[in-house]
Protein backbone atom coordinates (compact mmCIF):
# COMPACT_ATOMS: atom_id res chain seq x y z
CA MET A 1 0.09 0.05 -0.06
CA SER A 2 1.56 3.31 -0.70
CA GLU A 3 0.23 6.84 -0.01
CA GLU A 4 -0.29 9.07 -3.22
CA PHE A 5 -0.33 12.29 -1.23
CA GLY A 6 1.56 13.43 1.66
CA PRO A 7 0.59 15.44 5.02
CA ASP A 8 -2.26 17.84 4.84
CA PHE A 9 -1.11 21.38 5.54
CA ILE A 10 -2.75 24.71 6.09
CA SER A 11 -2.13 28.35 6.59
CA VAL A 12 -3.70 30.07 9.12
CA THR A 13 -3.57 33.87 10.34
CA ASP A 14 -4.30 34.55 13.97
CA GLU A 15 -5.76 37.28 15.31
CA ASP A 16 -2.38 39.45 15.66
CA GLY A 17 -2.07 39.03 11.36
CA ASN A 18 0.58 36.21 12.14
CA GLU A 19 0.34 33.51 9.24
CA PHE A 20 1.87 30.24 10.09
CA GLU A 21 1.47 26.65 8.81
CA LEU A 22 -0.54 23.65 10.39
CA GLU A 23 -0.35 19.96 9.49
CA HIS A 24 -4.13 18.30 9.69
CA VAL A 25 -3.81 15.21 11.92
CA ASP A 26 -7.50 14.34 12.17
CA THR A 27 -11.15 15.44 12.12
CA ILE A 28 -14.21 14.52 14.57
CA GLU A 29 -17.64 15.29 14.96
CA TYR A 30 -18.67 16.20 18.63
CA ASN A 31 -22.01 17.02 20.09
CA GLY A 32 -22.94 18.30 16.55
CA GLN A 33 -19.78 20.31 15.70
CA ILE A 34 -16.98 19.79 13.45
CA TYR A 35 -13.54 20.00 14.97
CA MET A 36 -10.01 19.61 13.54
CA ALA A 37 -6.56 18.81 15.28
CA PHE A 38 -3.47 20.15 13.63
CA PHE A 39 0.34 20.22 14.90
CA PRO A 40 2.27 23.10 13.89
CA ALA A 41 4.46 22.65 11.13
CA ASP A 42 7.06 25.06 12.11
CA THR A 43 8.19 24.76 15.54
CA GLY A 44 10.13 27.90 15.97
CA GLU A 45 13.33 26.42 15.46
CA GLU A 46 14.55 28.98 12.83
CA THR A 47 13.87 31.94 15.30
CA GLY A 48 15.50 30.15 18.39
CA GLU A 49 11.83 30.46 20.15
CA GLU A 50 11.05 27.81 22.27
CA GLU A 51 7.27 27.11 22.18
CA GLU A 52 4.96 24.45 23.34
CA THR A 53 4.32 22.02 19.84
CA GLY A 54 1.13 20.15 21.32
CA LEU A 55 -2.03 19.34 19.52
CA ILE A 56 -3.89 22.45 18.36
CA ILE A 57 -7.68 22.06 18.37
CA LEU A 58 -9.75 24.07 15.98
CA LYS A 59 -13.65 24.08 15.12
CA VAL A 60 -15.27 24.59 11.95
CA VAL A 61 -17.85 27.51 12.04
CA ASP A 62 -20.24 29.29 9.52
CA VAL A 63 -19.25 32.90 8.97
CA ASN A 64 -21.54 34.35 6.27
CA GLY A 65 -22.17 30.96 4.53
CA GLU A 66 -18.06 30.39 4.51
CA GLU A 67 -16.68 27.75 6.58
CA GLN A 68 -13.56 28.96 8.63
CA LEU A 69 -11.47 27.34 11.76
CA SER A 70 -11.94 29.01 15.31
CA THR A 71 -10.73 28.55 18.86
CA LEU A 72 -12.66 26.93 21.32
CA ASP A 73 -15.09 28.87 23.14
CA SER A 74 -13.89 27.57 26.68
CA GLU A 75 -11.26 25.51 28.55
CA GLU A 76 -14.02 22.83 29.54
CA GLU A 77 -14.90 22.57 25.84
CA LEU A 78 -11.05 22.02 24.90
CA GLU A 79 -10.60 19.60 27.43
CA GLU A 80 -13.85 17.38 26.04
CA VAL A 81 -12.68 17.33 22.62
CA TYR A 82 -8.88 16.59 23.45
CA ASP A 83 -10.47 13.74 25.19
CA GLN A 84 -12.34 12.48 21.99
CA PHE A 85 -9.00 12.87 19.51
CA MET A 86 -7.39 10.91 22.23
CA ASP A 87 -9.69 8.33 22.31
CA ALA A 88 -9.95 8.38 18.72
CA LEU A 89 -6.31 8.23 18.16
CA PHE A 90 -5.68 5.55 20.78
CA GLN A 91 -8.38 3.40 19.40
CA ASP A 92 -6.78 3.22 15.89
CA GLU A 93 -3.42 2.23 17.62
CA GLU A 94 -4.90 -0.61 19.77
CA GLY A 95 -6.76 -2.20 16.63
CA PRO A 96 -5.42 -5.54 15.48
CA GLY A 97 -2.33 -5.28 13.92
CA GLY A 98 -0.28 -7.43 11.58
CA GLU A 99 -3.37 -8.85 9.53
CA GLY A 100 -3.25 -9.01 5.89
């Protein structure tokens, strides 16, 4: 089995106008909302800045008929959705291996 396409990358601009790239990891639907998980593509190594490079979770929102990514509304929402992504990730890893 071969992968025809590499990882998916997107460019996003934060509220301060800084643009950065994210690598898409997974997408889930939770409580009727679509959430997407990303890892930073640029970890700040070139600038010498040390930054936490954990999972970034954004939700898909409709703004004037256009889908956009937005930060989550609360720490509780973030924790719940993070747990959902971790459950999905570990479920994939724990699946039967070596079958073919």
